[in-house]
Protein backbone atom coordinates (compact mmCIF):
# COMPACT_ATOMS: atom_id res chain seq x y z
CA MET A 1 -42.54 20.61 9.54
CA ALA A 2 -39.41 22.89 8.88
CA GLY A 3 -36.22 22.04 11.10
CA ILE A 4 -33.58 20.03 9.41
CA VAL A 5 -34.66 17.99 6.31
CA ILE A 6 -32.21 15.49 4.98
CA ILE A 7 -32.80 14.04 1.48
CA GLY A 8 -31.38 10.37 1.51
CA ASN A 9 -31.04 7.78 3.98
CA GLY A 10 -27.71 6.18 3.29
CA VAL A 11 -24.78 6.46 5.54
CA SER A 12 -23.90 9.99 5.03
CA GLY A 13 -27.44 11.28 5.55
CA ILE A 14 -27.97 9.13 8.66
CA THR A 15 -24.72 9.68 9.98
CA THR A 16 -25.58 13.53 9.81
CA ALA A 17 -28.81 12.89 11.72
CA ARG A 18 -27.12 10.90 14.52
CA HIS A 19 -24.24 13.35 14.90
CA ILE A 20 -26.84 16.43 15.22
CA ARG A 21 -28.20 14.49 18.24
CA LYS A 22 -25.04 13.17 19.59
CA ASN A 23 -23.74 16.66 19.83
CA GLY A 24 -26.61 18.31 21.54
CA GLY A 25 -28.82 19.48 18.50
CA THR A 26 -32.41 19.74 19.34
CA GLN A 27 -33.84 20.78 15.92
CA SER A 28 -36.54 18.72 14.52
CA ILE A 29 -34.82 16.32 11.94
CA THR A 30 -37.01 14.64 8.93
CA VAL A 31 -35.28 12.01 6.61
CA ILE A 32 -36.66 11.47 3.33
CA SER A 33 -36.14 8.40 1.17
CA SER A 34 -37.75 6.80 -1.60
CA GLU A 35 -35.36 3.84 -1.45
CA THR A 36 -36.32 1.99 1.86
CA LYS A 37 -37.98 3.30 5.06
CA TYR A 38 -35.13 2.25 7.23
CA PHE A 39 -31.48 2.87 6.85
CA TYR A 40 -29.56 -0.33 5.81
CA SER A 41 -26.00 -1.13 4.91
CA ARG A 42 -25.64 -0.66 1.08
CA THR A 43 -22.36 -2.64 1.07
CA SER A 44 -24.39 -5.55 2.22
CA LEU A 45 -26.67 -5.81 -0.98
CA MET A 46 -24.68 -8.77 -2.50
CA TYR A 47 -25.10 -10.71 0.57
CA ILE A 48 -28.70 -10.60 0.46
CA TYR A 49 -28.67 -11.90 -3.04
CA MET A 50 -26.32 -14.83 -2.13
CA GLY A 51 -28.67 -15.70 0.64
CA HIS A 52 -26.43 -14.89 3.59
CA MET A 53 -28.55 -12.07 4.90
CA LYS A 54 -32.18 -10.60 4.73
CA LEU A 55 -32.84 -6.90 4.34
CA GLU A 56 -33.78 -6.54 8.16
CA HIS A 57 -30.40 -8.11 8.93
CA THR A 58 -28.47 -5.27 7.09
CA GLN A 59 -30.25 -2.70 9.38
CA PRO A 60 -28.15 -1.58 12.15
CA TYR A 61 -30.85 0.07 14.36
CA GLU A 62 -34.15 -1.28 15.68
CA ASN A 63 -37.15 0.40 14.22
CA ASP A 64 -37.97 2.31 17.20
CA PHE A 65 -34.40 3.72 17.17
CA TRP A 66 -35.84 6.82 15.10
CA ALA A 67 -38.64 7.77 17.48
CA LYS A 68 -36.55 7.49 20.63
CA ASN A 69 -34.17 9.79 18.97
CA ASN A 70 -36.87 12.15 17.77
CA ILE A 71 -35.84 11.57 13.95
CA ASP A 72 -39.09 11.50 11.63
CA LEU A 73 -38.71 9.19 8.47
CA VAL A 74 -40.78 9.96 5.40
CA PHE A 75 -40.86 7.30 2.76
CA ASP A 76 -41.56 9.53 -0.25
CA HIS A 77 -39.74 10.99 -3.44
CA VAL A 78 -38.76 14.48 -4.01
CA ASN A 79 -39.47 15.81 -7.43
CA GLU A 80 -38.55 19.13 -6.92
CA ILE A 81 -36.89 21.90 -4.87
CA ASP A 82 -37.99 25.44 -4.50
CA PHE A 83 -34.86 26.87 -3.00
CA SER A 84 -36.13 30.47 -2.61
CA GLY A 85 -39.27 29.34 -0.96
CA LYS A 86 -37.43 26.56 1.19
CA GLN A 87 -39.93 23.92 0.20
CA LEU A 88 -39.88 20.38 -1.07
CA LYS A 89 -42.47 19.09 -3.70
CA MET A 90 -43.00 15.51 -3.22
CA LYS A 91 -44.29 12.62 -5.43
CA SER A 92 -47.16 12.18 -3.35
CA GLY A 93 -48.42 15.58 -3.92
CA SER A 94 -47.41 16.98 -0.45
CA GLY A 95 -44.91 19.77 0.38
CA ILE A 96 -42.27 19.62 3.05
CA LYS A 97 -40.82 22.96 4.47
CA TYR A 98 -37.17 23.28 5.65
CA ASP A 99 -35.17 25.74 7.67
CA LYS A 100 -31.91 23.92 6.68
CA LEU A 101 -31.69 21.22 3.99
CA VAL A 102 -29.09 18.32 3.63
CA LEU A 103 -28.73 16.78 0.25
CA ALA A 104 -27.45 13.29 0.51
CA VAL A 105 -28.76 11.85 -2.63
CA GLY A 106 -25.94 9.40 -3.53
CA SER A 107 -25.05 8.11 -6.94
CA LYS A 108 -26.56 6.31 -9.82
CA PRO A 109 -24.86 3.57 -12.24
CA ASN A 110 -23.03 5.15 -15.39
CA LYS A 111 -24.43 4.85 -18.72
CA PHE A 112 -22.37 5.72 -21.65
CA GLY A 113 -25.10 5.70 -24.59
CA TRP A 114 -24.51 2.10 -25.54
CA PRO A 115 -27.37 1.08 -28.23
CA GLY A 116 -29.69 -1.37 -26.17
CA GLN A 117 -28.65 -0.12 -22.68
CA ASP A 118 -32.27 0.31 -21.64
CA LEU A 119 -33.48 -3.13 -22.72
CA ASN A 120 -34.91 -5.32 -20.13
CA GLY A 121 -32.25 -7.46 -18.30
CA VAL A 122 -29.84 -4.61 -18.45
CA GLN A 123 -29.22 -2.73 -15.20
CA GLY A 124 -26.59 -1.64 -12.72
CA LEU A 125 -26.21 -2.41 -9.12
CA TYR A 126 -26.65 0.56 -6.45
CA SER A 127 -29.90 0.70 -4.74
CA TYR A 128 -32.24 -2.00 -3.09
CA GLN A 129 -34.53 -1.63 -5.94
CA ASP A 130 -31.51 -2.58 -8.19
CA LEU A 131 -31.14 -5.55 -6.22
CA GLN A 132 -34.74 -6.55 -6.61
CA LEU A 133 -34.58 -6.08 -10.41
CA MET A 134 -31.49 -8.16 -10.43
CA GLU A 135 -33.16 -10.89 -8.59
CA GLU A 136 -35.98 -10.79 -11.29
CA ASN A 137 -33.60 -10.34 -14.29
CA THR A 138 -31.49 -13.22 -13.13
CA GLN A 139 -34.17 -15.91 -12.64
CA GLY A 140 -33.23 -19.09 -14.50
CA ILE A 141 -30.54 -17.46 -16.69
CA LYS A 142 -27.32 -19.29 -17.76
CA HIS A 143 -25.08 -16.47 -19.04
CA ALA A 144 -24.42 -12.96 -18.02
CA VAL A 145 -22.17 -10.28 -19.53
CA LEU A 146 -20.58 -7.72 -16.97
CA VAL A 147 -19.46 -4.31 -18.48
CA GLY A 148 -16.60 -2.41 -17.06
CA GLY A 149 -13.86 -3.26 -14.10
CA GLY A 150 -14.10 -2.18 -10.61
CA LEU A 151 -15.71 -3.09 -7.30
CA ILE A 152 -19.35 -3.19 -8.23
CA GLY A 153 -18.60 -5.49 -11.33
CA VAL A 154 -16.50 -8.01 -8.94
CA GLU A 155 -19.60 -7.93 -6.72
CA MET A 156 -21.99 -8.82 -9.33
CA ALA A 157 -19.64 -11.70 -10.60
CA GLU A 158 -19.53 -13.15 -7.30
CA MET A 159 -23.29 -12.83 -6.80
CA LEU A 160 -23.86 -14.56 -10.14
CA ARG A 161 -21.21 -17.21 -9.87
CA THR A 162 -22.84 -18.32 -6.54
CA ARG A 163 -25.98 -19.18 -8.66
CA GLY A 164 -23.98 -21.18 -11.12
CA VAL A 165 -24.30 -18.46 -13.85
CA ASP A 166 -21.54 -18.15 -16.45
CA VAL A 167 -20.11 -14.76 -16.15
CA THR A 168 -17.95 -12.93 -18.97
CA PHE A 169 -16.41 -9.77 -17.71
CA LEU A 170 -15.40 -7.14 -20.40
CA VAL A 171 -12.90 -4.79 -19.43
CA ARG A 172 -11.53 -1.96 -21.75
CA GLU A 173 -8.11 -1.53 -20.07
CA SER A 174 -5.23 -3.89 -20.52
CA HIS A 175 -5.80 -5.07 -16.93
CA PHE A 176 -8.63 -5.08 -14.28
CA TRP A 177 -9.52 -1.94 -12.77
CA GLY A 178 -6.81 -0.37 -14.66
CA ASN A 179 -7.49 3.22 -13.54
CA VAL A 180 -6.82 2.39 -9.75
CA LEU A 181 -4.80 -0.81 -9.60
CA PRO A 182 -0.98 -1.09 -10.86
CA LYS A 183 -0.39 -3.96 -13.35
CA GLN A 184 1.05 -6.55 -10.87
CA ASP A 185 -1.87 -6.05 -8.39
CA ALA A 186 -4.76 -6.39 -11.19
CA GLU A 187 -3.07 -9.68 -12.50
CA LEU A 188 -3.27 -10.98 -9.11
CA ILE A 189 -6.93 -10.38 -8.96
CA GLY A 190 -7.57 -11.32 -12.53
CA ASP A 191 -5.93 -14.45 -12.24
CA HIS A 192 -7.99 -15.42 -9.13
CA MET A 193 -11.09 -14.66 -10.86
CA THR A 194 -10.40 -16.88 -13.92
CA ARG A 195 -8.51 -19.60 -12.17
CA ASP A 196 -10.56 -20.18 -9.07
CA HIS A 197 -13.87 -18.70 -9.86
CA HIS A 198 -14.08 -19.50 -13.51
CA VAL A 199 -14.95 -15.93 -14.60
CA ASP A 200 -14.21 -15.28 -18.37
CA LEU A 201 -12.25 -12.09 -18.06
CA ARG A 202 -11.87 -10.21 -21.41
CA LEU A 203 -9.15 -7.48 -21.19
CA ASN A 204 -8.73 -4.80 -23.89
CA THR A 205 -12.44 -5.49 -24.89
CA GLU A 206 -15.19 -2.88 -25.31
CA LEU A 207 -18.67 -3.04 -25.48
CA GLY A 208 -20.26 -1.97 -28.75
CA GLU A 209 -23.82 -2.87 -28.53
CA ILE A 210 -26.35 -4.67 -26.47
CA LEU A 211 -28.80 -6.96 -28.56
CA ASN A 212 -32.46 -7.01 -28.49
CA ASP A 213 -34.29 -10.22 -28.80
CA GLY A 214 -37.03 -8.51 -30.71
CA ASN A 215 -39.22 -8.28 -27.70
CA GLY A 216 -37.45 -5.73 -25.78
CA LYS A 217 -35.15 -8.03 -23.95
CA VAL A 218 -31.47 -8.57 -24.03
CA LYS A 219 -30.27 -11.64 -26.03
CA GLY A 220 -26.54 -10.83 -26.19
CA VAL A 221 -23.85 -8.17 -26.74
CA LYS A 222 -21.66 -6.97 -29.29
CA THR A 223 -18.19 -6.14 -28.96
CA LYS A 224 -16.31 -3.38 -30.86
CA ASP A 225 -14.18 -6.11 -32.47
CA GLY A 226 -17.36 -7.36 -33.79
CA GLU A 227 -17.59 -10.65 -31.43
CA ILE A 228 -21.15 -11.62 -30.51
CA ILE A 229 -21.67 -13.08 -27.04
CA ASP A 230 -24.76 -14.56 -26.40
CA CYS A 231 -26.21 -13.85 -22.70
CA GLN A 232 -29.70 -13.32 -20.87
CA PHE A 233 -28.49 -10.31 -18.44
CA VAL A 234 -26.02 -7.55 -18.65
CA GLY A 235 -24.58 -5.84 -15.64
CA LEU A 236 -23.37 -2.33 -16.06
CA SER A 237 -20.59 -1.79 -13.79
CA ALA A 238 -18.57 1.06 -15.25
CA GLY A 239 -18.73 3.15 -12.08
CA VAL A 240 -21.37 5.73 -10.50
CA SER A 241 -21.75 9.53 -11.10
CA PRO A 242 -23.66 11.76 -8.52
CA ASN A 243 -27.41 11.49 -8.83
CA VAL A 244 -27.91 15.13 -9.55
CA GLY A 245 -30.03 15.16 -12.68
CA PHE A 246 -33.27 16.70 -10.93
CA LEU A 247 -31.11 19.55 -9.76
CA LYS A 248 -29.58 20.52 -12.92
CA ASN A 249 -31.75 23.43 -13.78
CA THR A 250 -31.71 24.99 -10.43
CA GLU A 251 -29.91 27.69 -8.81
CA LEU A 252 -27.48 25.10 -7.13
CA GLU A 253 -23.91 25.34 -8.47
CA ILE A 254 -23.13 21.74 -10.07
CA ASP A 255 -20.23 20.56 -11.81
CA ARG A 256 -19.97 16.64 -11.75
CA GLY A 257 -21.70 16.72 -8.48
CA ILE A 258 -22.94 19.31 -6.06
CA LEU A 259 -19.92 22.05 -5.39
CA VAL A 260 -19.27 22.49 -1.65
CA THR A 261 -17.06 23.94 0.70
CA ARG A 262 -14.99 21.90 3.34
CA LEU A 263 -17.89 22.73 5.69
CA LEU A 264 -20.10 21.08 3.07
CA GLU A 265 -21.87 24.15 2.41
CA THR A 266 -23.34 24.75 -1.23
CA ASN A 267 -23.71 28.21 -2.79
CA MET A 268 -27.52 28.57 -1.47
CA SER A 269 -27.98 29.51 2.04
CA ASP A 270 -28.90 26.76 4.56
CA VAL A 271 -28.32 24.11 1.88
CA TYR A 272 -25.52 21.39 2.32
CA ALA A 273 -24.47 18.58 0.45
CA LEU A 274 -22.34 15.23 1.23
CA GLY A 275 -21.72 11.94 0.41
CA ASP A 276 -21.47 10.64 -3.27
CA CYS A 277 -23.19 13.51 -4.57
CA ALA A 278 -20.99 16.36 -3.22
CA GLN A 279 -17.70 17.43 -5.08
CA PHE A 280 -15.19 19.60 -3.18
CA LYS A 281 -14.44 22.96 -4.72
CA GLU A 282 -10.92 22.66 -2.83
CA PRO A 283 -10.26 19.17 -1.95
CA SER A 284 -7.85 18.19 0.97
CA VAL A 285 -4.33 17.48 -0.19
CA GLY A 286 -3.88 14.16 -1.58
CA ARG A 287 -7.70 13.59 -1.99
CA ARG A 288 -10.03 13.81 -5.05
CA PRO A 289 -12.91 16.42 -5.40
CA LEU A 290 -15.22 13.39 -5.50
CA GLU A 291 -15.00 10.60 -2.67
CA GLN A 292 -17.73 8.09 -3.23
CA VAL A 293 -16.81 5.44 -0.76
CA TRP A 294 -18.70 4.17 2.41
CA TYR A 295 -16.47 5.76 4.99
CA THR A 296 -15.95 8.97 3.51
CA GLY A 297 -19.85 9.36 3.55
CA ARG A 298 -19.73 8.49 7.09
CA MET A 299 -16.93 11.04 8.04
CA MET A 300 -18.67 13.72 6.04
CA GLY A 301 -21.88 13.06 8.11
CA GLU A 302 -20.02 13.30 11.31
CA ALA A 303 -18.48 16.69 10.47
CA LEU A 304 -21.75 17.95 9.38
CA GLY A 305 -23.77 16.92 12.17
CA LYS A 306 -21.38 18.91 14.47
CA THR A 307 -21.66 21.65 12.29
CA LEU A 308 -25.60 21.64 12.18
CA ALA A 309 -25.52 21.11 16.16
CA GLY A 310 -23.70 24.65 16.33
CA LYS A 311 -20.34 23.28 16.22
CA PRO A 312 -18.74 24.28 12.98
CA THR A 313 -16.48 21.51 11.62
CA GLU A 314 -14.62 21.04 8.58
CA TYR A 315 -14.24 17.78 6.55
CA LYS A 316 -10.68 16.49 7.42
CA PRO A 317 -10.40 13.02 5.94
CA GLY A 318 -6.75 12.72 6.62
CA VAL A 319 -4.92 9.88 4.96
CA TRP A 320 -6.68 8.06 2.10
CA PHE A 321 -7.58 4.41 2.68
CA ASN A 322 -10.09 1.84 1.38
CA SER A 323 -10.82 -1.72 1.61
CA ALA A 324 -12.73 -4.43 -0.49
CA LYS A 325 -13.02 -7.92 -1.27
CA PHE A 326 -12.33 -9.56 -4.69
CA PHE A 327 -14.06 -12.91 -4.40
CA ASP A 328 -11.79 -14.63 -1.61
CA ILE A 329 -9.10 -12.10 -1.44
CA GLU A 330 -9.48 -9.10 1.05
CA TYR A 331 -7.77 -5.85 -0.12
CA GLN A 332 -6.69 -2.74 1.76
CA THR A 333 -4.98 0.32 0.55
CA TYR A 334 -3.34 3.22 2.58
CA GLY A 335 -1.81 6.34 1.16
CA GLU A 336 -1.11 6.81 -2.41
CA VAL A 337 -0.45 3.77 -4.64
CA ARG A 338 -1.40 4.57 -8.25
CA SER A 339 -1.89 2.62 -11.37
CA VAL A 340 1.37 4.12 -12.75
CA VAL A 341 4.26 4.88 -10.42
CA PRO A 342 4.77 8.80 -10.45
CA GLU A 343 8.08 10.26 -11.29
CA GLY A 344 10.29 10.34 -8.20
CA LYS A 345 8.83 7.56 -6.79
CA SER A 346 9.63 3.80 -6.60
CA GLU A 347 7.77 0.60 -5.92
CA PHE A 348 8.32 -2.67 -4.25
CA TYR A 349 5.88 -5.82 -5.20
CA TRP A 350 6.09 -9.06 -3.20
CA GLN A 351 3.87 -11.83 -4.11
CA HIS A 352 3.59 -15.28 -2.47
CA ASP A 353 4.70 -17.93 -5.04
CA SER A 354 1.66 -20.34 -4.16
CA GLU A 355 -0.82 -18.19 -2.34
CA ASP A 356 -3.04 -15.37 -3.45
CA VAL A 357 -1.03 -13.10 -1.06
CA ALA A 358 0.72 -9.79 -2.00
CA ILE A 359 2.17 -6.33 -0.72
CA HIS A 360 2.92 -3.42 -3.06
CA LEU A 361 4.78 -0.71 -1.48
CA VAL A 362 5.48 2.85 -2.76
CA PHE A 363 8.07 5.20 -1.51
CA ASP A 364 10.39 8.26 -2.33
CA SER A 365 13.07 7.33 -4.46
CA LEU A 366 15.76 9.11 -2.94
CA GLU A 367 14.72 9.38 0.91
CA PHE A 368 12.93 6.24 1.08
CA LYS A 369 9.81 7.81 2.55
CA PHE A 370 6.99 5.76 2.78
CA VAL A 371 4.07 6.80 0.30
CA GLY A 372 1.50 4.11 0.35
CA ILE A 373 0.63 0.53 0.42
CA ASN A 374 -1.71 -1.95 -1.04
CA THR A 375 -2.14 -5.45 0.72
CA PHE A 376 -3.98 -8.44 -0.59
CA GLY A 377 -4.88 -11.43 1.67
CA ILE A 378 -3.32 -9.62 4.47
CA ARG A 379 -5.29 -7.66 7.28
CA LEU A 380 -3.60 -4.61 8.53
CA ARG A 381 -4.28 -2.01 11.52
CA HIS A 382 -5.47 1.04 9.98
CA GLU A 383 -4.44 3.35 12.60
CA LEU A 384 -0.74 2.23 12.35
CA PHE A 385 -0.50 3.11 8.66
CA ASP A 386 -2.48 6.40 9.20
CA ARG A 387 0.10 7.18 11.95
CA TRP A 388 3.12 6.22 9.69
CA LEU A 389 2.11 8.25 6.85
CA ARG A 390 1.43 11.37 8.78
CA GLU A 391 4.70 10.94 10.64
CA GLY A 392 6.65 10.59 7.18
CA GLN A 393 8.21 7.35 8.31
CA SER A 394 10.54 5.42 5.93
CA VAL A 395 9.67 2.28 3.99
CA MET A 396 12.23 0.52 6.05
CA TYR A 397 10.47 1.67 9.35
CA VAL A 398 7.34 0.11 8.09
CA LEU A 399 8.73 -3.06 7.09
CA GLU A 400 10.81 -3.23 10.44
CA HIS A 401 7.50 -2.98 12.23
CA MET A 402 5.16 -4.85 10.17
CA LYS A 403 4.31 -7.39 13.16
CA ASP A 404 2.78 -4.30 14.83
CA ALA A 405 0.37 -3.80 11.82
CA ASN A 406 -0.68 -7.29 11.61
CA PHE A 407 -4.28 -7.47 12.58
CA ASP A 408 -4.79 -10.90 13.45
CA PRO A 409 -1.70 -13.09 13.29
CA GLU A 410 -3.07 -15.41 15.58
CA PHE A 411 -5.43 -16.66 13.14
CA TYR A 412 -3.43 -16.26 9.97
CA ARG A 413 0.05 -17.14 8.70
CA THR A 414 2.30 -14.08 8.57
CA TYR A 415 4.92 -13.20 6.10
CA GLU A 416 6.88 -10.29 7.48
CA GLN A 417 10.43 -11.74 7.10
CA GLU A 418 9.85 -13.03 3.95
CA VAL A 419 8.86 -9.57 2.69
CA ALA A 420 11.64 -7.83 4.32
CA ASP A 421 14.04 -10.38 2.93
CA ALA A 422 12.98 -9.78 -0.53
CA PHE A 423 13.22 -5.91 -0.12
CA ASN A 424 16.75 -6.20 1.19
CA LYS A 425 17.76 -8.37 -1.80
CA GLU A 426 16.09 -5.93 -4.33
CA PHE A 427 17.35 -2.54 -2.68
CA ASN A 428 20.53 -3.49 -0.79
CA LYS A 429 19.16 -2.79 2.62
CA ASN A 430 19.35 -4.75 5.97
CA VAL A 431 15.64 -4.71 7.45
CA THR A 432 15.21 -7.04 10.29
CA VAL A 433 11.53 -7.36 11.40
CA LYS A 434 10.97 -6.41 15.06
CA ALA A 435 8.98 -8.20 17.53
CA LYS A 436 5.37 -7.19 18.14
CA SER A 437 5.00 -4.37 20.82
CA TRP A 438 1.74 -3.16 22.09
CA LYS A 439 3.27 -0.23 23.46
CA ARG A 440 4.33 0.89 19.97
CA ILE A 441 0.77 -0.04 18.58
CA LEU A 442 -1.24 2.01 21.11
CA PHE A 443 1.21 4.77 21.70
CA GLY A 444 3.61 4.89 19.06
CA ALA A 445 6.50 4.43 21.24
């Protein structure tokens, strides 16, 4: 078969295949996955569980798309890679040759050696198989315990609450998602979860042990403080780590993830890695070595697709951004808003007095240069914040032009002048919000 072989049909692997074809690549392409035959949107798993969608609704391409684009799909599992012989050994017993190999093998939920972590009814949520297992594990249950803050935990909490399951959320930090969100932001989300969705959020609480009912199934948890909480399901949501266990004893250079250059090359000739499993030897300025979010996987795939089509292209992600949903609150972040304000930086936090709406700005303490923003309950235009951060605009400029950044003011209440007034009062400035201008939005004029 040879040609280009891609292991993994998530967003990074499939985007690579699409962009090889988009950029004129004519090599044969084979995509291997043991999760699902067809690519689907992993971020939609929760909506399948909640009954809003079916698996086929999350597949962005018709089933004949692959043949039309000369992309072969193989539903099988790779057990071993012979890098010197350029061959994959499959679970089915077959072997697949490659000329160039792309490793897009994703992540797996973290486990930290908790006693009882492998009991029935204990699991993470990453793959479609995890979703199927969660469906089985939560049938008829009354109480679930989730371990670890962050996005996966919030998704699992929302999924379970839609079925009327009581949820206790154990977070070892002093506030929710404490390694990412500043305290004010975390308290807004924590209040929303507990007040509006009746989640029992336990801060400063660590899991000690998962308890066995005597038949190999979970019956509860014991915290490190000795409290016992009865439950029939435990969701492990303490982050993910690169799925590289089957590669550990090979010639491939691995740290936490597969080590790659900005061209997504590994130390092995004709072998590339990207997405959740890739770790950059030299990350771009302001970026982390591991970038395990959907859009970075897509951007890596676009770059690698061009490279494999004969147009060498480095991964240049630009300004950091991300978005998520915490139950009913939409969250966006651009630039750098750390959990603790760095030395030399200042912050401005505004929260509406009766709505779950907030803005958190970070800027240089002396020059007032805009550094980053978190928003909750407000949709903003990505292209403007990317531009403003690259241009080095001041925080006053950002506030003056917030009407330009508001994504859909015709449907939502806006708060620009309220925010500016609060900023003026706190920092003795005189910011006046300007009227919306499509010329500025489109051209930066």
